[in-house]
Amino acid sequence: MNARALPLVSIGVVGLLAWAWFVQIGRTMSMHAAMPGMQMGFGMLATMWAAMMAAMMVPAAAPSYLLHARMAKRPLASWAYFAGYLAAWAAAGVAYAAAHWGLQRAGLITPDMRLASSPLAGALLVAAGAWQWSPLKASCVARCRSPLGFMMNEWRDGLAGAFAMGLRYAAWCVGCCGMLMLVLFVAGAMSFAWALAISAYVLVERLLPLGRAFDRATGVVLIAWGAWLIAVA
Protein backbone atom coordinates (compact mmCIF):
# COMPACT_ATOMS: atom_id res chain seq x y z
CA MET A 1 0.00 0.00 0.00
CA ASN A 2 1.17 3.55 -0.74
CA ALA A 3 2.84 5.06 2.33
CA ARG A 4 0.69 8.19 2.04
CA ALA A 5 -2.52 6.19 1.85
CA LEU A 6 -1.75 3.97 4.85
CA PRO A 7 -2.49 6.61 7.55
CA LEU A 8 -5.80 7.51 5.88
CA VAL A 9 -6.83 3.86 5.63
CA SER A 10 -5.74 3.24 9.22
CA ILE A 11 -7.78 6.06 10.71
CA GLY A 12 -10.77 5.18 8.52
CA VAL A 13 -10.75 1.56 9.63
CA VAL A 14 -10.31 2.45 13.30
CA GLY A 15 -13.10 5.00 13.07
CA LEU A 16 -15.55 2.55 11.50
CA LEU A 17 -14.69 -0.13 14.05
CA ALA A 18 -15.04 2.29 16.96
CA TRP A 19 -18.47 3.49 15.83
CA ALA A 20 -19.62 -0.08 15.14
CA TRP A 21 -18.45 -1.10 18.61
CA PHE A 22 -20.27 1.82 20.20
CA VAL A 23 -23.51 1.06 18.34
CA GLN A 24 -23.34 -2.62 19.33
CA ILE A 25 -22.69 -1.80 22.98
CA GLY A 26 -25.52 0.74 22.91
CA ARG A 27 -27.96 -1.87 21.62
CA THR A 28 -26.91 -4.35 24.28
CA MET A 29 -27.26 -1.79 27.05
CA SER A 30 -30.64 -0.63 25.71
CA MET A 31 -31.95 -4.17 26.13
CA HIS A 32 -30.59 -4.32 29.68
CA ALA A 33 -32.01 -0.90 30.53
CA ALA A 34 -35.47 -1.97 29.35
CA MET A 35 -35.61 -4.60 32.12
CA PRO A 36 -37.52 -3.32 35.19
CA GLY A 37 -35.22 -2.40 38.05
CA MET A 38 -32.10 -3.18 36.01
CA GLN A 39 -28.99 -1.18 36.82
CA MET A 40 -25.75 -1.21 34.85
CA GLY A 41 -22.58 -2.41 36.52
CA PHE A 42 -19.55 -0.17 36.54
CA GLY A 43 -17.67 -2.43 34.12
CA MET A 44 -20.45 -2.25 31.55
CA LEU A 45 -20.73 1.52 31.92
CA ALA A 46 -16.96 1.94 31.63
CA THR A 47 -16.92 -0.11 28.44
CA MET A 48 -19.77 1.92 26.95
CA TRP A 49 -18.30 5.33 27.81
CA ALA A 50 -14.79 4.35 26.69
CA ALA A 51 -16.13 3.07 23.37
CA MET A 52 -18.26 6.17 22.90
CA MET A 53 -15.39 8.57 23.64
CA ALA A 54 -13.05 6.72 21.29
CA ALA A 55 -15.63 6.71 18.50
CA MET A 56 -16.49 10.39 18.93
CA MET A 57 -12.87 11.55 18.96
CA VAL A 58 -11.43 9.50 16.08
CA PRO A 59 -12.40 12.13 13.46
CA ALA A 60 -10.86 14.91 15.56
CA ALA A 61 -7.66 12.87 15.87
CA ALA A 62 -7.18 12.77 12.09
CA PRO A 63 -5.32 16.11 11.60
CA SER A 64 -2.68 15.47 14.27
CA TYR A 65 -2.36 11.77 13.43
CA LEU A 66 -1.84 12.42 9.72
CA LEU A 67 0.68 15.14 10.53
CA HIS A 68 2.56 12.78 12.86
CA ALA A 69 2.55 10.12 10.13
CA ARG A 70 4.16 12.55 7.67
CA MET A 71 6.79 13.66 10.17
CA ALA A 72 7.63 10.26 11.66
CA LYS A 73 7.58 8.27 8.41
CA ARG A 74 7.20 5.12 10.51
CA PRO A 75 3.70 3.61 10.63
CA LEU A 76 4.34 1.89 13.97
CA ALA A 77 5.29 5.16 15.64
CA SER A 78 2.21 6.92 14.29
CA TRP A 79 -0.01 4.05 15.38
CA ALA A 80 1.51 4.37 18.85
CA TYR A 81 0.70 8.08 18.81
CA PHE A 82 -2.89 7.33 17.78
CA ALA A 83 -3.15 4.65 20.47
CA GLY A 84 -1.99 7.14 23.09
CA TYR A 85 -4.56 9.67 21.93
CA LEU A 86 -7.41 7.16 22.12
CA ALA A 87 -6.17 5.78 25.45
CA ALA A 88 -6.44 9.23 27.01
CA TRP A 89 -10.02 9.61 25.78
CA ALA A 90 -10.89 6.09 26.93
CA ALA A 91 -9.61 7.07 30.39
CA ALA A 92 -11.83 10.16 30.27
CA GLY A 93 -14.70 7.83 29.37
CA VAL A 94 -14.02 5.72 32.46
CA ALA A 95 -14.16 8.88 34.59
CA TYR A 96 -17.53 9.73 33.09
CA ALA A 97 -18.65 6.15 33.72
CA ALA A 98 -17.77 6.56 37.40
CA ALA A 99 -19.96 9.67 37.56
CA HIS A 100 -22.74 7.83 35.69
CA TRP A 101 -22.52 4.90 38.08
CA GLY A 102 -22.71 7.19 41.12
CA LEU A 103 -25.71 9.06 39.72
CA GLN A 104 -27.39 5.76 38.89
CA ARG A 105 -26.94 4.49 42.45
CA ALA A 106 -28.44 7.73 43.71
CA GLY A 107 -31.51 7.12 41.55
CA LEU A 108 -30.80 10.11 39.31
CA ILE A 109 -30.54 8.24 35.98
CA THR A 110 -33.61 7.20 33.99
CA PRO A 111 -33.85 3.87 32.09
CA ASP A 112 -32.93 5.67 28.85
CA MET A 113 -29.79 7.00 30.60
CA ARG A 114 -30.76 10.63 31.05
CA LEU A 115 -30.61 12.68 34.21
CA ALA A 116 -33.88 12.38 36.10
CA SER A 117 -33.42 15.79 37.75
CA SER A 118 -34.13 18.77 35.52
CA PRO A 119 -32.38 21.25 37.86
CA LEU A 120 -29.24 19.09 37.91
CA ALA A 121 -29.36 18.66 34.13
CA GLY A 122 -29.74 22.40 33.76
CA ALA A 123 -26.84 23.08 36.11
CA LEU A 124 -24.56 20.77 34.09
CA LEU A 125 -25.49 22.54 30.86
CA VAL A 126 -24.85 25.95 32.41
CA ALA A 127 -21.44 24.72 33.61
CA ALA A 128 -20.62 23.37 30.15
CA GLY A 129 -21.73 26.64 28.57
CA ALA A 130 -19.71 28.74 30.99
CA TRP A 131 -16.63 26.62 30.21
CA GLN A 132 -16.95 27.62 26.55
CA TRP A 133 -16.25 31.22 27.63
CA SER A 134 -13.35 30.46 29.96
CA PRO A 135 -9.71 31.42 29.26
CA LEU A 136 -8.62 27.84 29.96
CA LYS A 137 -10.96 26.57 27.27
CA ALA A 138 -9.46 29.14 24.90
CA SER A 139 -5.95 27.95 25.74
CA CYS A 140 -6.84 24.30 25.23
CA VAL A 141 -8.63 24.82 21.94
CA ALA A 142 -5.76 26.94 20.61
CA ARG A 143 -3.35 24.07 21.23
CA CYS A 144 -5.73 21.52 19.71
CA ARG A 145 -6.09 23.66 16.59
CA SER A 146 -2.32 23.82 16.16
CA PRO A 147 -0.97 20.26 15.99
CA LEU A 148 2.11 21.46 14.08
CA GLY A 149 3.20 23.62 17.00
CA PHE A 150 2.64 20.71 19.34
CA MET A 151 4.70 18.36 17.16
CA MET A 152 7.56 20.84 16.93
CA ASN A 153 7.70 21.47 20.68
CA GLU A 154 6.77 18.07 22.08
CA TRP A 155 8.35 15.62 19.65
CA ARG A 156 9.50 12.31 21.14
CA ASP A 157 11.26 9.51 19.25
CA GLY A 158 10.42 5.82 19.47
CA LEU A 159 7.18 3.99 20.14
CA ALA A 160 7.02 4.94 23.81
CA GLY A 161 7.72 8.57 22.91
CA ALA A 162 5.01 8.59 20.26
CA PHE A 163 2.52 7.04 22.69
CA ALA A 164 3.37 9.72 25.27
CA MET A 165 2.88 12.39 22.63
CA GLY A 166 -0.58 11.04 21.90
CA LEU A 167 -1.44 11.14 25.59
CA ARG A 168 -0.18 14.72 25.96
CA TYR A 169 -1.99 16.04 22.90
CA ALA A 170 -5.20 14.30 23.95
CA ALA A 171 -4.92 15.87 27.42
CA TRP A 172 -5.28 19.31 25.82
CA CYS A 173 -8.20 18.01 23.77
CA VAL A 174 -9.91 16.64 26.89
CA GLY A 175 -9.56 20.11 28.39
CA CYS A 176 -11.02 21.58 25.24
CA CYS A 177 -13.98 19.23 24.76
CA GLY A 178 -14.43 17.24 27.97
CA MET A 179 -17.05 19.54 29.49
CA LEU A 180 -19.08 19.35 26.30
CA MET A 181 -19.63 15.65 26.97
CA LEU A 182 -21.88 16.64 29.90
CA VAL A 183 -24.56 17.13 27.26
CA LEU A 184 -24.79 13.35 27.00
CA PHE A 185 -26.07 13.12 30.57
CA VAL A 186 -28.93 15.37 29.52
CA ALA A 187 -29.61 14.11 25.99
CA GLY A 188 -29.01 10.43 26.73
CA ALA A 189 -25.74 8.56 27.19
CA MET A 190 -26.69 5.98 24.58
CA SER A 191 -27.84 8.48 21.96
CA PHE A 192 -26.04 7.73 18.71
CA ALA A 193 -27.40 10.92 17.14
CA TRP A 194 -26.10 13.17 19.92
CA ALA A 195 -22.73 11.41 19.97
CA LEU A 196 -22.45 11.94 16.22
CA ALA A 197 -23.47 15.61 16.56
CA ILE A 198 -20.87 16.29 19.26
CA SER A 199 -18.21 14.48 17.22
CA ALA A 200 -19.04 16.68 14.22
CA TYR A 201 -18.96 19.82 16.39
CA VAL A 202 -15.52 18.95 17.75
CA LEU A 203 -14.19 18.30 14.24
CA VAL A 204 -15.56 21.63 12.96
CA GLU A 205 -14.08 23.44 15.97
CA ARG A 206 -10.74 21.78 15.27
CA LEU A 207 -10.56 22.41 11.52
CA LEU A 208 -12.35 25.66 10.68
CA PRO A 209 -10.98 29.10 11.59
CA LEU A 210 -14.15 30.13 13.41
CA GLY A 211 -12.35 31.58 16.42
CA ARG A 212 -13.72 32.24 19.88
CA ALA A 213 -17.05 33.48 18.55
CA PHE A 214 -17.98 29.90 17.65
CA ASP A 215 -17.14 28.59 21.13
CA ARG A 216 -18.95 31.44 22.85
CA ALA A 217 -22.06 31.09 20.68
CA THR A 218 -22.17 27.41 21.62
CA GLY A 219 -21.76 28.43 25.25
CA VAL A 220 -24.74 30.79 25.00
CA VAL A 221 -26.90 28.00 23.57
CA LEU A 222 -25.90 25.60 26.35
CA ILE A 223 -26.49 28.20 29.08
CA ALA A 224 -29.90 29.09 27.64
CA TRP A 225 -30.86 25.40 27.43
CA GLY A 226 -29.73 24.82 31.01
CA ALA A 227 -31.53 27.93 32.30
CA TRP A 228 -34.73 26.76 30.60
CA LEU A 229 -34.51 23.34 32.25
CA ILE A 230 -34.00 24.96 35.65
CA ALA A 231 -36.88 27.38 35.09
CA VAL A 232 -39.42 24.76 34.01
CA ALA A 233 -38.50 22.58 36.98
C-alpha atoms as a PDB file:
ATOM      1  CA  MET A   1       0.000   0.000   0.000  1.00  0.00           C
ATOM      2  CA  ASN A   2       1.166   3.549  -0.743  1.00  0.00           C
ATOM      3  CA  ALA A   3       2.842   5.063   2.331  1.00  0.00           C
ATOM      4  CA  ARG A   4       0.692   8.190   2.044  1.00  0.00           C
ATOM      5  CA  ALA A   5      -2.521   6.189   1.850  1.00  0.00           C
ATOM      6  CA  LEU A   6      -1.748   3.972   4.848  1.00  0.00           C
ATOM      7  CA  PRO A   7      -2.489   6.613   7.545  1.00  0.00           C
ATOM      8  CA  LEU A   8      -5.799   7.507   5.876  1.00  0.00           C
ATOM      9  CA  VAL A   9      -6.830   3.861   5.632  1.00  0.00           C
ATOM     10  CA  SER A  10      -5.736   3.243   9.216  1.00  0.00           C
ATOM     11  CA  ILE A  11      -7.777   6.060  10.713  1.00  0.00           C
ATOM     12  CA  GLY A  12     -10.768   5.185   8.520  1.00  0.00           C
ATOM     13  CA  VAL A  13     -10.752   1.557   9.633  1.00  0.00           C
ATOM     14  CA  VAL A  14     -10.310   2.455  13.304  1.00  0.00           C
ATOM     15  CA  GLY A  15     -13.098   4.995  13.066  1.00  0.00           C
ATOM     16  CA  LEU A  16     -15.545   2.548  11.503  1.00  0.00           C
ATOM     17  CA  LEU A  17     -14.694  -0.134  14.048  1.00  0.00           C
ATOM     18  CA  ALA A  18     -15.038   2.294  16.963  1.00  0.00           C
ATOM     19  CA  TRP A  19     -18.470   3.488  15.828  1.00  0.00           C
ATOM     20  CA  ALA A  20     -19.622  -0.079  15.135  1.00  0.00           C
ATOM     21  CA  TRP A  21     -18.446  -1.102  18.605  1.00  0.00           C
ATOM     22  CA  PHE A  22     -20.271   1.823  20.203  1.00  0.00           C
ATOM     23  CA  VAL A  23     -23.505   1.058  18.341  1.00  0.00           C
ATOM     24  CA  GLN A  24     -23.341  -2.619  19.334  1.00  0.00           C
ATOM     25  CA  ILE A  25     -22.690  -1.798  22.981  1.00  0.00           C
ATOM     26  CA  GLY A  26     -25.522   0.738  22.909  1.00  0.00           C
ATOM     27  CA  ARG A  27     -27.958  -1.874  21.622  1.00  0.00           C
ATOM     28  CA  THR A  28     -26.906  -4.354  24.275  1.00  0.00           C
ATOM     29  CA  MET A  29     -27.262  -1.790  27.045  1.00  0.00           C
ATOM     30  CA  SER A  30     -30.638  -0.632  25.706  1.00  0.00           C
ATOM     31  CA  MET A  31     -31.949  -4.172  26.129  1.00  0.00           C
ATOM     32  CA  HIS A  32     -30.588  -4.321  29.680  1.00  0.00           C
ATOM     33  CA  ALA A  33     -32.011  -0.898  30.530  1.00  0.00           C
ATOM     34  CA  ALA A  34     -35.470  -1.975  29.352  1.00  0.00           C
ATOM     35  CA  MET A  35     -35.614  -4.601  32.120  1.00  0.00           C
ATOM     36  CA  PRO A  36     -37.524  -3.323  35.185  1.00  0.00           C
ATOM     37  CA  GLY A  37     -35.224  -2.398  38.049  1.00  0.00           C
ATOM     38  CA  MET A  38     -32.103  -3.184  36.014  1.00  0.00           C
ATOM     39  CA  GLN A  39     -28.986  -1.183  36.825  1.00  0.00           C
ATOM     40  CA  MET A  40     -25.745  -1.213  34.853  1.00  0.00           C
ATOM     41  CA  GLY A  41     -22.578  -2.410  36.519  1.00  0.00           C
ATOM     42  CA  PHE A  42     -19.553  -0.168  36.545  1.00  0.00           C
ATOM     43  CA  GLY A  43     -17.670  -2.432  34.119  1.00  0.00           C
ATOM     44  CA  MET A  44     -20.450  -2.249  31.549  1.00  0.00           C
ATOM     45  CA  LEU A  45     -20.735   1.516  31.916  1.00  0.00           C
ATOM     46  CA  ALA A  46     -16.963   1.943  31.630  1.00  0.00           C
ATOM     47  CA  THR A  47     -16.922  -0.110  28.436  1.00  0.00           C
ATOM     48  CA  MET A  48     -19.770   1.916  26.950  1.00  0.00           C
ATOM     49  CA  TRP A  49     -18.301   5.328  27.807  1.00  0.00           C
ATOM     50  CA  ALA A  50     -14.789   4.353  26.691  1.00  0.00           C
ATOM     51  CA  ALA A  51     -16.132   3.067  23.367  1.00  0.00           C
ATOM     52  CA  MET A  52     -18.259   6.172  22.904  1.00  0.00           C
ATOM     53  CA  MET A  53     -15.394   8.568  23.640  1.00  0.00           C
ATOM     54  CA  ALA A  54     -13.048   6.718  21.286  1.00  0.00           C
ATOM     55  CA  ALA A  55     -15.630   6.713  18.495  1.00  0.00           C
ATOM     56  CA  MET A  56     -16.490  10.389  18.928  1.00  0.00           C
ATOM     57  CA  MET A  57     -12.869  11.550  18.963  1.00  0.00           C
ATOM     58  CA  VAL A  58     -11.431   9.496  16.077  1.00  0.00           C
ATOM     59  CA  PRO A  59     -12.402  12.133  13.462  1.00  0.00           C
ATOM     60  CA  ALA A  60     -10.862  14.911  15.557  1.00  0.00           C
ATOM     61  CA  ALA A  61      -7.659  12.872  15.867  1.00  0.00           C
ATOM     62  CA  ALA A  62      -7.178  12.774  12.092  1.00  0.00           C
ATOM     63  CA  PRO A  63      -5.323  16.106  11.596  1.00  0.00           C
ATOM     64  CA  SER A  64      -2.677  15.470  14.267  1.00  0.00           C
ATOM     65  CA  TYR A  65      -2.359  11.767  13.434  1.00  0.00           C
ATOM     66  CA  LEU A  66      -1.837  12.422   9.719  1.00  0.00           C
ATOM     67  CA  LEU A  67       0.684  15.145  10.535  1.00  0.00           C
ATOM     68  CA  HIS A  68       2.562  12.782  12.855  1.00  0.00           C
ATOM     69  CA  ALA A  69       2.553  10.122  10.132  1.00  0.00           C
ATOM     70  CA  ARG A  70       4.156  12.549   7.673  1.00  0.00           C
ATOM     71  CA  MET A  71       6.790  13.661  10.168  1.00  0.00           C
ATOM     72  CA  ALA A  72       7.628  10.259  11.662  1.00  0.00           C
ATOM     73  CA  LYS A  73       7.576   8.274   8.414  1.00  0.00           C
ATOM     74  CA  ARG A  74       7.195   5.123  10.507  1.00  0.00           C
ATOM     75  CA  PRO A  75       3.699   3.606  10.629  1.00  0.00           C
ATOM     76  CA  LEU A  76       4.344   1.894  13.971  1.00  0.00           C
ATOM     77  CA  ALA A  77       5.292   5.162  15.639  1.00  0.00           C
ATOM     78  CA  SER A  78       2.215   6.917  14.295  1.00  0.00           C
ATOM     79  CA  TRP A  79      -0.013   4.051  15.382  1.00  0.00           C
ATOM     80  CA  ALA A  80       1.515   4.366  18.850  1.00  0.00           C
ATOM     81  CA  TYR A  81       0.703   8.084  18.806  1.00  0.00           C
ATOM     82  CA  PHE A  82      -2.886   7.326  17.775  1.00  0.00           C
ATOM     83  CA  ALA A  83      -3.150   4.645  20.470  1.00  0.00           C
ATOM     84  CA  GLY A  84      -1.986   7.136  23.095  1.00  0.00           C
ATOM     85  CA  TYR A  85      -4.557   9.670  21.930  1.00  0.00           C
ATOM     86  CA  LEU A  86      -7.412   7.162  22.116  1.00  0.00           C
ATOM     87  CA  ALA A  87      -6.165   5.779  25.450  1.00  0.00           C
ATOM     88  CA  ALA A  88      -6.443   9.234  27.006  1.00  0.00           C
ATOM     89  CA  TRP A  89     -10.018   9.607  25.778  1.00  0.00           C
ATOM     90  CA  ALA A  90     -10.892   6.092  26.929  1.00  0.00           C
ATOM     91  CA  ALA A  91      -9.613   7.070  30.385  1.00  0.00           C
ATOM     92  CA  ALA A  92     -11.833  10.162  30.274  1.00  0.00           C
ATOM     93  CA  GLY A  93     -14.704   7.831  29.371  1.00  0.00           C
ATOM     94  CA  VAL A  94     -14.020   5.724  32.461  1.00  0.00           C
ATOM     95  CA  ALA A  95     -14.156   8.884  34.587  1.00  0.00           C
ATOM     96  CA  TYR A  96     -17.534   9.733  33.093  1.00  0.00           C
ATOM     97  CA  ALA A  97     -18.650   6.148  33.715  1.00  0.00           C
ATOM     98  CA  ALA A  98     -17.774   6.560  37.396  1.00  0.00           C
ATOM     99  CA  ALA A  99     -19.959   9.672  37.556  1.00  0.00           C
ATOM    100  CA  HIS A 100     -22.736   7.835  35.691  1.00  0.00           C
ATOM    101  CA  TRP A 101     -22.524   4.897  38.082  1.00  0.00           C
ATOM    102  CA  GLY A 102     -22.710   7.194  41.118  1.00  0.00           C
ATOM    103  CA  LEU A 103     -25.710   9.058  39.715  1.00  0.00           C
ATOM    104  CA  GLN A 104     -27.389   5.757  38.894  1.00  0.00           C
ATOM    105  CA  ARG A 105     -26.938   4.488  42.453  1.00  0.00           C
ATOM    106  CA  ALA A 106     -28.437   7.728  43.708  1.00  0.00           C
ATOM    107  CA  GLY A 107     -31.514   7.121  41.554  1.00  0.00           C
ATOM    108  CA  LEU A 108     -30.800  10.111  39.308  1.00  0.00           C
ATOM    109  CA  ILE A 109     -30.539   8.241  35.979  1.00  0.00           C
ATOM    110  CA  THR A 110     -33.609   7.204  33.986  1.00  0.00           C
ATOM    111  CA  PRO A 111     -33.845   3.866  32.094  1.00  0.00           C
ATOM    112  CA  ASP A 112     -32.927   5.675  28.854  1.00  0.00           C
ATOM    113  CA  MET A 113     -29.792   6.998  30.604  1.00  0.00           C
ATOM    114  CA  ARG A 114     -30.762  10.628  31.046  1.00  0.00           C
ATOM    115  CA  LEU A 115     -30.605  12.678  34.208  1.00  0.00           C
ATOM    116  CA  ALA A 116     -33.877  12.383  36.095  1.00  0.00           C
ATOM    117  CA  SER A 117     -33.417  15.786  37.755  1.00  0.00           C
ATOM    118  CA  SER A 118     -34.128  18.775  35.521  1.00  0.00           C
ATOM    119  CA  PRO A 119     -32.382  21.250  37.864  1.00  0.00           C
ATOM    120  CA  LEU A 120     -29.238  19.088  37.912  1.00  0.00           C
ATOM    121  CA  ALA A 121     -29.360  18.658  34.133  1.00  0.00           C
ATOM    122  CA  GLY A 122     -29.739  22.402  33.757  1.00  0.00           C
ATOM    123  CA  ALA A 123     -26.836  23.083  36.107  1.00  0.00           C
ATOM    124  CA  LEU A 124     -24.561  20.773  34.093  1.00  0.00           C
ATOM    125  CA  LEU A 125     -25.495  22.539  30.861  1.00  0.00           C
ATOM    126  CA  VAL A 126     -24.854  25.950  32.408  1.00  0.00           C
ATOM    127  CA  ALA A 127     -21.444  24.722  33.610  1.00  0.00           C
ATOM    128  CA  ALA A 128     -20.618  23.367  30.150  1.00  0.00           C
ATOM    129  CA  GLY A 129     -21.731  26.637  28.566  1.00  0.00           C
ATOM    130  CA  ALA A 130     -19.709  28.738  30.993  1.00  0.00           C
ATOM    131  CA  TRP A 131     -16.631  26.620  30.211  1.00  0.00           C
ATOM    132  CA  GLN A 132     -16.949  27.621  26.547  1.00  0.00           C
ATOM    133  CA  TRP A 133     -16.247  31.221  27.630  1.00  0.00           C
ATOM    134  CA  SER A 134     -13.346  30.465  29.961  1.00  0.00           C
ATOM    135  CA  PRO A 135      -9.708  31.417  29.263  1.00  0.00           C
ATOM    136  CA  LEU A 136      -8.624  27.840  29.963  1.00  0.00           C
ATOM    137  CA  LYS A 137     -10.964  26.573  27.265  1.00  0.00           C
ATOM    138  CA  ALA A 138      -9.456  29.143  24.900  1.00  0.00           C
ATOM    139  CA  SER A 139      -5.948  27.954  25.741  1.00  0.00           C
ATOM    140  CA  CYS A 140      -6.835  24.299  25.233  1.00  0.00           C
ATOM    141  CA  VAL A 141      -8.627  24.818  21.936  1.00  0.00           C
ATOM    142  CA  ALA A 142      -5.762  26.940  20.610  1.00  0.00           C
ATOM    143  CA  ARG A 143      -3.352  24.068  21.226  1.00  0.00           C
ATOM    144  CA  CYS A 144      -5.725  21.520  19.710  1.00  0.00           C
ATOM    145  CA  ARG A 145      -6.089  23.662  16.591  1.00  0.00           C
ATOM    146  CA  SER A 146      -2.316  23.822  16.158  1.00  0.00           C
ATOM    147  CA  PRO A 147      -0.967  20.261  15.987  1.00  0.00           C
ATOM    148  CA  LEU A 148       2.108  21.463  14.080  1.00  0.00           C
ATOM    149  CA  GLY A 149       3.199  23.622  17.001  1.00  0.00           C
ATOM    150  CA  PHE A 150       2.644  20.707  19.341  1.00  0.00           C
ATOM    151  CA  MET A 151       4.699  18.362  17.155  1.00  0.00           C
ATOM    152  CA  MET A 152       7.561  20.840  16.929  1.00  0.00           C
ATOM    153  CA  ASN A 153       7.702  21.473  20.678  1.00  0.00           C
ATOM    154  CA  GLU A 154       6.766  18.069  22.081  1.00  0.00           C
ATOM    155  CA  TRP A 155       8.352  15.623  19.650  1.00  0.00           C
ATOM    156  CA  ARG A 156       9.505  12.306  21.143  1.00  0.00           C
ATOM    157  CA  ASP A 157      11.258   9.512  19.252  1.00  0.00           C
ATOM    158  CA  GLY A 158      10.425   5.820  19.469  1.00  0.00           C
ATOM    159  CA  LEU A 159       7.178   3.986  20.137  1.00  0.00           C
ATOM    160  CA  ALA A 160       7.024   4.943  23.814  1.00  0.00           C
ATOM    161  CA  GLY A 161       7.723   8.565  22.911  1.00  0.00           C
ATOM    162  CA  ALA A 162       5.008   8.589  20.255  1.00  0.00           C
ATOM    163  CA  PHE A 163       2.521   7.042  22.690  1.00  0.00           C
ATOM    164  CA  ALA A 164       3.374   9.717  25.268  1.00  0.00           C
ATOM    165  CA  MET A 165       2.880  12.393  22.626  1.00  0.00           C
ATOM    166  CA  GLY A 166      -0.584  11.035  21.900  1.00  0.00           C
ATOM    167  CA  LEU A 167      -1.439  11.143  25.591  1.00  0.00           C
ATOM    168  CA  ARG A 168      -0.176  14.720  25.960  1.00  0.00           C
ATOM    169  CA  TYR A 169      -1.988  16.037  22.902  1.00  0.00           C
ATOM    170  CA  ALA A 170      -5.201  14.297  23.955  1.00  0.00           C
ATOM    171  CA  ALA A 171      -4.920  15.868  27.416  1.00  0.00           C
ATOM    172  CA  TRP A 172      -5.281  19.309  25.822  1.00  0.00           C
ATOM    173  CA  CYS A 173      -8.204  18.009  23.769  1.00  0.00           C
ATOM    174  CA  VAL A 174      -9.911  16.643  26.889  1.00  0.00           C
ATOM    175  CA  GLY A 175      -9.557  20.106  28.395  1.00  0.00           C
ATOM    176  CA  CYS A 176     -11.020  21.580  25.240  1.00  0.00           C
ATOM    177  CA  CYS A 177     -13.985  19.230  24.758  1.00  0.00           C
ATOM    178  CA  GLY A 178     -14.430  17.237  27.968  1.00  0.00           C
ATOM    179  CA  MET A 179     -17.051  19.539  29.490  1.00  0.00           C
ATOM    180  CA  LEU A 180     -19.080  19.346  26.296  1.00  0.00           C
ATOM    181  CA  MET A 181     -19.628  15.647  26.973  1.00  0.00           C
ATOM    182  CA  LEU A 182     -21.879  16.637  29.899  1.00  0.00           C
ATOM    183  CA  VAL A 183     -24.564  17.134  27.256  1.00  0.00           C
ATOM    184  CA  LEU A 184     -24.789  13.347  26.995  1.00  0.00           C
ATOM    185  CA  PHE A 185     -26.066  13.118  30.575  1.00  0.00           C
ATOM    186  CA  VAL A 186     -28.934  15.374  29.521  1.00  0.00           C
ATOM    187  CA  ALA A 187     -29.613  14.107  25.991  1.00  0.00           C
ATOM    188  CA  GLY A 188     -29.008  10.425  26.734  1.00  0.00           C
ATOM    189  CA  ALA A 189     -25.739   8.560  27.194  1.00  0.00           C
ATOM    190  CA  MET A 190     -26.688   5.979  24.578  1.00  0.00           C
ATOM    191  CA  SER A 191     -27.836   8.484  21.956  1.00  0.00           C
ATOM    192  CA  PHE A 192     -26.042   7.730  18.708  1.00  0.00           C
ATOM    193  CA  ALA A 193     -27.402  10.922  17.139  1.00  0.00           C
ATOM    194  CA  TRP A 194     -26.096  13.171  19.920  1.00  0.00           C
ATOM    195  CA  ALA A 195     -22.730  11.407  19.970  1.00  0.00           C
ATOM    196  CA  LEU A 196     -22.446  11.943  16.221  1.00  0.00           C
ATOM    197  CA  ALA A 197     -23.474  15.609  16.560  1.00  0.00           C
ATOM    198  CA  ILE A 198     -20.868  16.288  19.258  1.00  0.00           C
ATOM    199  CA  SER A 199     -18.211  14.484  17.218  1.00  0.00           C
ATOM    200  CA  ALA A 200     -19.038  16.684  14.216  1.00  0.00           C
ATOM    201  CA  TYR A 201     -18.963  19.822  16.388  1.00  0.00           C
ATOM    202  CA  VAL A 202     -15.519  18.954  17.746  1.00  0.00           C
ATOM    203  CA  LEU A 203     -14.192  18.302  14.239  1.00  0.00           C
ATOM    204  CA  VAL A 204     -15.557  21.628  12.960  1.00  0.00           C
ATOM    205  CA  GLU A 205     -14.083  23.439  15.969  1.00  0.00           C
ATOM    206  CA  ARG A 206     -10.738  21.782  15.275  1.00  0.00           C
ATOM    207  CA  LEU A 207     -10.565  22.409  11.520  1.00  0.00           C
ATOM    208  CA  LEU A 208     -12.345  25.656  10.684  1.00  0.00           C
ATOM    209  CA  PRO A 209     -10.976  29.098  11.592  1.00  0.00           C
ATOM    210  CA  LEU A 210     -14.146  30.132  13.407  1.00  0.00           C
ATOM    211  CA  GLY A 211     -12.351  31.577  16.418  1.00  0.00           C
ATOM    212  CA  ARG A 212     -13.715  32.241  19.881  1.00  0.00           C
ATOM    213  CA  ALA A 213     -17.052  33.482  18.545  1.00  0.00           C
ATOM    214  CA  PHE A 214     -17.985  29.901  17.651  1.00  0.00           C
ATOM    215  CA  ASP A 215     -17.137  28.595  21.132  1.00  0.00           C
ATOM    216  CA  ARG A 216     -18.953  31.443  22.850  1.00  0.00           C
ATOM    217  CA  ALA A 217     -22.061  31.087  20.679  1.00  0.00           C
ATOM    218  CA  THR A 218     -22.174  27.408  21.623  1.00  0.00           C
ATOM    219  CA  GLY A 219     -21.765  28.430  25.250  1.00  0.00           C
ATOM    220  CA  VAL A 220     -24.741  30.786  25.000  1.00  0.00           C
ATOM    221  CA  VAL A 221     -26.901  28.001  23.567  1.00  0.00           C
ATOM    222  CA  LEU A 222     -25.896  25.602  26.349  1.00  0.00           C
ATOM    223  CA  ILE A 223     -26.495  28.197  29.077  1.00  0.00           C
ATOM    224  CA  ALA A 224     -29.899  29.091  27.638  1.00  0.00           C
ATOM    225  CA  TRP A 225     -30.858  25.401  27.430  1.00  0.00           C
ATOM    226  CA  GLY A 226     -29.733  24.824  31.009  1.00  0.00           C
ATOM    227  CA  ALA A 227     -31.533  27.925  32.303  1.00  0.00           C
ATOM    228  CA  TRP A 228     -34.728  26.765  30.596  1.00  0.00           C
ATOM    229  CA  LEU A 229     -34.513  23.336  32.252  1.00  0.00           C
ATOM    230  CA  ILE A 230     -34.005  24.955  35.651  1.00  0.00           C
ATOM    231  CA  ALA A 231     -36.884  27.383  35.086  1.00  0.00           C
ATOM    232  CA  VAL A 232     -39.420  24.762  34.007  1.00  0.00           C
ATOM    233  CA  ALA A 233     -38.501  22.581  36.977  1.00  0.00           C
END
